[in-house]
């Protein structure tokens, strides 16, 4: 189990969105399916914090996710997504569909508040007001890339949080477009899929239950992203 998340600690969803943000172009990779990716990050964090239990048996809407009594998340964004599970468990696919569409704004707001991304007001064609996303100049994204790159590109053994970030990046389907930060290759694809399945390396042997639970959450997000991507083509 990882240390419980607090409001001062960046959420996995925050770090994931920051990794998907391209500071060169001001765009976010995988926008069309971002809600599933961010929802998968929330579900994964709840699982890592032991705030939810995920049944690994298949169901009509995926394995069932239930709130763990007495384990409310400290972070208000996570708590808001956890509380409905107290009243009624959901299939993982249902959970992603319910919480995903309302995550991009609040998560992006946090990155802006922390100074990692800046919203810059501009005018298109000199007339139409627009908002551009600009790199805030903090070292956070570079630190995250430096942590994730060797795990994916060199097969380094990760800590649980880095393993989850790498797995979710793979599940998002956006690794090929992040090639300037993480060189894309067949080996990177393979390693990403291993991480999605909970293969974090020998150092995580004692976290078998956690890895299995997180793997189910990541796999559900990956499947949802794949289906949505096909529908959008």
Protein backbone atom coordinates (compact mmCIF):
# COMPACT_ATOMS: atom_id res chain seq x y z
CA UNK A 1 0.00 0.00 0.00
CA UNK A 2 1.28 3.49 -0.81
CA UNK A 3 1.05 6.45 1.53
CA UNK A 4 -2.52 7.83 1.56
CA UNK A 5 -3.05 10.75 -0.79
CA UNK A 6 -3.46 14.21 0.75
CA UNK A 7 -4.64 17.42 -0.93
CA UNK A 8 -1.00 18.63 -0.95
CA UNK A 9 0.17 15.54 -2.81
CA UNK A 10 -0.25 15.66 -6.61
CA UNK A 11 -2.78 13.10 -7.75
CA UNK A 12 -1.77 10.42 -10.21
CA UNK A 13 -4.30 12.03 -12.56
CA UNK A 14 -2.46 15.35 -12.23
CA UNK A 15 0.92 13.84 -13.03
CA UNK A 16 -0.58 11.84 -15.89
CA UNK A 17 -2.16 14.92 -17.46
CA UNK A 18 1.11 16.82 -17.07
CA UNK A 19 2.98 14.01 -18.83
CA UNK A 20 0.43 14.07 -21.65
CA UNK A 21 0.84 17.84 -21.99
CA UNK A 22 3.30 18.86 -24.70
CA UNK A 23 5.03 22.06 -23.54
CA UNK A 24 6.28 22.69 -27.08
CA UNK A 25 2.86 22.84 -28.75
CA UNK A 26 0.59 23.50 -25.77
CA UNK A 27 -1.54 20.47 -26.66
CA UNK A 28 -2.58 17.45 -24.61
CA UNK A 29 -2.07 14.04 -26.18
CA UNK A 30 -5.08 11.75 -26.44
CA UNK A 31 -7.71 14.46 -25.97
CA UNK A 32 -10.45 12.38 -27.64
CA UNK A 33 -10.22 9.65 -25.01
CA UNK A 34 -8.73 11.66 -22.15
CA UNK A 35 -11.75 11.23 -19.90
CA UNK A 36 -11.26 7.46 -19.79
CA UNK A 37 -7.54 7.84 -19.12
CA UNK A 38 -8.06 10.29 -16.25
CA UNK A 39 -10.88 8.20 -14.80
CA UNK A 40 -8.57 5.19 -14.92
CA UNK A 41 -5.99 7.22 -12.98
CA UNK A 42 -8.57 8.08 -10.33
CA UNK A 43 -9.73 4.49 -10.04
CA UNK A 44 -6.14 3.29 -9.83
CA UNK A 45 -5.29 5.80 -7.10
CA UNK A 46 -8.33 4.76 -5.09
CA UNK A 47 -7.18 1.15 -5.41
CA UNK A 48 -3.60 1.99 -4.38
CA UNK A 49 -4.92 3.85 -1.32
CA UNK A 50 -7.13 0.85 -0.40
CA UNK A 51 -10.18 3.12 -0.63
CA UNK A 52 -11.86 0.74 -3.07
CA UNK A 53 -11.85 -2.99 -3.70
CA UNK A 54 -12.04 -4.30 -7.25
CA UNK A 55 -13.40 -7.75 -7.94
CA UNK A 56 -11.27 -9.34 -10.65
CA UNK A 57 -14.21 -11.40 -11.93
CA UNK A 58 -15.69 -10.16 -15.22
CA UNK A 59 -19.17 -8.68 -15.35
CA UNK A 60 -21.44 -7.02 -17.88
CA UNK A 61 -19.84 -3.64 -17.14
CA UNK A 62 -16.46 -4.95 -16.05
CA UNK A 63 -15.23 -6.09 -12.63
CA UNK A 64 -17.17 -4.58 -9.73
CA UNK A 65 -15.61 -1.71 -7.78
CA UNK A 66 -16.78 -1.13 -4.20
CA UNK A 67 -15.92 1.48 -1.56
CA UNK A 68 -13.91 0.19 1.41
CA UNK A 69 -15.61 1.22 4.65
CA UNK A 70 -13.55 3.52 6.81
CA UNK A 71 -11.11 4.41 4.00
CA UNK A 72 -12.41 7.73 2.62
CA UNK A 73 -9.81 9.57 0.51
CA UNK A 74 -8.37 12.72 2.06
CA UNK A 75 -8.24 14.50 -1.29
CA UNK A 76 -11.61 16.16 -2.07
CA UNK A 77 -11.48 15.30 -5.78
CA UNK A 78 -11.02 11.61 -4.97
CA UNK A 79 -13.57 11.70 -2.15
CA UNK A 80 -16.23 13.13 -4.48
CA UNK A 81 -15.71 10.14 -6.84
CA UNK A 82 -15.55 7.65 -3.95
CA UNK A 83 -18.73 8.64 -2.09
CA UNK A 84 -21.21 7.32 -4.70
CA UNK A 85 -19.52 3.92 -4.38
CA UNK A 86 -20.44 3.88 -0.69
CA UNK A 87 -24.11 3.89 -1.71
CA UNK A 88 -23.78 1.45 -4.57
CA UNK A 89 -20.88 -0.49 -6.16
CA UNK A 90 -20.37 -0.01 -9.90
CA UNK A 91 -18.84 -1.98 -12.70
CA UNK A 92 -15.47 -0.51 -13.58
CA UNK A 93 -16.66 0.54 -17.03
CA UNK A 94 -19.67 2.30 -15.50
CA UNK A 95 -17.40 4.06 -13.02
CA UNK A 96 -15.12 5.35 -15.78
CA UNK A 97 -18.07 6.58 -17.84
CA UNK A 98 -19.62 8.35 -14.84
CA UNK A 99 -16.58 10.19 -13.52
CA UNK A 100 -14.44 10.65 -16.64
CA UNK A 101 -16.29 13.43 -18.49
CA UNK A 102 -16.01 15.79 -15.47
CA UNK A 103 -12.32 15.32 -14.69
CA UNK A 104 -10.32 17.26 -17.29
CA UNK A 105 -11.29 20.72 -15.99
CA UNK A 106 -10.63 20.15 -12.28
CA UNK A 107 -7.37 18.28 -12.91
CA UNK A 108 -6.14 20.96 -15.31
CA UNK A 109 -7.13 23.63 -12.77
CA UNK A 110 -4.83 21.98 -10.24
CA UNK A 111 -1.90 22.00 -12.63
CA UNK A 112 -2.53 25.70 -13.23
CA UNK A 113 -2.79 26.39 -9.49
CA UNK A 114 0.53 24.60 -8.92
CA UNK A 115 2.14 26.67 -11.68
CA UNK A 116 2.99 23.75 -13.95
CA UNK A 117 0.74 25.04 -16.75
CA UNK A 118 -0.35 28.61 -17.51
CA UNK A 119 -3.56 29.64 -19.25
CA UNK A 120 -2.62 32.45 -21.63
CA UNK A 121 -5.27 34.67 -23.17
CA UNK A 122 -4.80 35.28 -26.90
CA UNK A 123 -6.78 36.44 -29.92
CA UNK A 124 -7.16 34.28 -33.01
CA UNK A 125 -6.93 36.30 -36.23
CA UNK A 126 -6.45 39.30 -33.99
CA UNK A 127 -10.12 39.28 -33.03
CA UNK A 128 -11.44 36.07 -31.47
CA UNK A 129 -10.50 35.53 -27.79
CA UNK A 130 -8.86 32.17 -27.18
CA UNK A 131 -7.06 30.49 -24.32
CA UNK A 132 -3.74 28.73 -24.91
CA UNK A 133 -2.00 26.34 -22.54
CA UNK A 134 1.63 27.26 -21.92
CA UNK A 135 4.42 25.57 -19.99
CA UNK A 136 4.66 27.07 -16.51
CA UNK A 137 8.40 26.54 -16.26
CA UNK A 138 8.41 24.31 -13.17
CA UNK A 139 10.65 21.21 -13.12
CA UNK A 140 7.80 18.81 -12.37
CA UNK A 141 7.16 17.48 -15.88
CA UNK A 142 10.85 16.93 -16.58
CA UNK A 143 11.15 15.02 -13.29
CA UNK A 144 8.22 12.80 -14.23
CA UNK A 145 9.65 12.10 -17.69
CA UNK A 146 13.04 11.27 -16.13
CA UNK A 147 11.30 8.78 -13.82
CA UNK A 148 9.08 7.13 -16.44
CA UNK A 149 11.48 6.99 -19.41
CA UNK A 150 13.94 4.38 -17.99
CA UNK A 151 11.04 2.19 -16.87
CA UNK A 152 9.57 2.06 -20.36
CA UNK A 153 12.68 2.37 -22.53
CA UNK A 154 15.26 0.48 -20.45
CA UNK A 155 13.17 -1.94 -18.40
CA UNK A 156 14.16 -0.37 -15.07
CA UNK A 157 12.17 -1.54 -12.05
CA UNK A 158 9.80 1.21 -10.90
CA UNK A 159 8.30 2.21 -7.59
CA UNK A 160 4.51 1.64 -7.53
CA UNK A 161 3.55 5.22 -8.43
CA UNK A 162 5.93 5.36 -11.40
CA UNK A 163 4.75 1.93 -12.52
CA UNK A 164 1.16 3.15 -12.51
CA UNK A 165 2.02 6.32 -14.45
CA UNK A 166 3.90 4.30 -17.08
CA UNK A 167 1.06 1.78 -17.30
CA UNK A 168 -1.55 4.52 -17.71
CA UNK A 169 0.53 6.26 -20.37
CA UNK A 170 0.58 2.97 -22.24
CA UNK A 171 -3.15 2.45 -21.68
CA UNK A 172 -3.87 5.94 -23.02
CA UNK A 173 -2.51 4.92 -26.42
CA UNK A 174 -0.47 8.14 -26.54
CA UNK A 175 3.06 6.81 -26.15
CA UNK A 176 3.83 7.03 -29.90
CA UNK A 177 3.17 10.79 -29.92
CA UNK A 178 5.34 11.31 -26.84
CA UNK A 179 8.39 10.03 -28.73
CA UNK A 180 10.35 13.26 -28.22
CA UNK A 181 10.34 12.56 -24.47
CA UNK A 182 10.14 8.75 -24.49
CA UNK A 183 11.60 7.32 -27.72
CA UNK A 184 8.95 5.05 -29.25
CA UNK A 185 9.86 1.45 -30.13
CA UNK A 186 8.47 -2.06 -30.10
CA UNK A 187 10.26 -2.65 -26.81
CA UNK A 188 8.54 0.38 -25.25
CA UNK A 189 5.17 -0.92 -26.47
CA UNK A 190 5.85 -4.35 -24.97
CA UNK A 191 7.06 -2.95 -21.67
CA UNK A 192 4.01 -0.71 -21.42
CA UNK A 193 1.69 -3.68 -21.88
CA UNK A 194 3.61 -5.63 -19.21
CA UNK A 195 3.14 -2.76 -16.78
CA UNK A 196 -0.57 -2.60 -17.61
CA UNK A 197 -0.79 -6.25 -16.56
CA UNK A 198 0.92 -5.60 -13.22
CA UNK A 199 4.41 -6.82 -14.14
CA UNK A 200 6.36 -4.28 -12.10
CA UNK A 201 9.44 -6.40 -11.40
CA UNK A 202 10.81 -8.47 -8.55
CA UNK A 203 10.99 -5.54 -6.11
CA UNK A 204 7.17 -5.36 -6.11
CA UNK A 205 6.73 -9.06 -5.28
CA UNK A 206 5.21 -8.21 -1.90
CA UNK A 207 2.56 -6.05 -3.54
CA UNK A 208 0.88 -8.87 -5.45
CA UNK A 209 -2.67 -8.03 -4.39
CA UNK A 210 -2.21 -4.33 -5.07
CA UNK A 211 -0.63 -4.99 -8.45
CA UNK A 212 -3.46 -7.31 -9.45
CA UNK A 213 -6.11 -4.79 -8.39
CA UNK A 214 -4.38 -1.92 -10.17
CA UNK A 215 -3.88 -4.07 -13.26
CA UNK A 216 -7.65 -4.62 -13.44
CA UNK A 217 -8.25 -0.86 -13.19
CA UNK A 218 -5.66 -0.03 -15.84
CA UNK A 219 -6.88 -2.81 -18.14
CA UNK A 220 -10.42 -1.45 -17.93
CA UNK A 221 -9.21 2.04 -18.82
CA UNK A 222 -7.12 0.66 -21.68
CA UNK A 223 -10.08 -1.27 -23.10
CA UNK A 224 -12.33 1.79 -22.83
CA UNK A 225 -9.76 3.97 -24.59
CA UNK A 226 -9.37 1.41 -27.38
CA UNK A 227 -13.11 1.14 -27.96
CA UNK A 228 -13.57 4.92 -27.90
CA UNK A 229 -10.66 5.42 -30.31
CA UNK A 230 -12.24 3.00 -32.80
CA UNK A 231 -15.60 4.75 -32.51
CA UNK A 232 -13.98 8.13 -33.14
CA UNK A 233 -12.24 7.02 -36.34
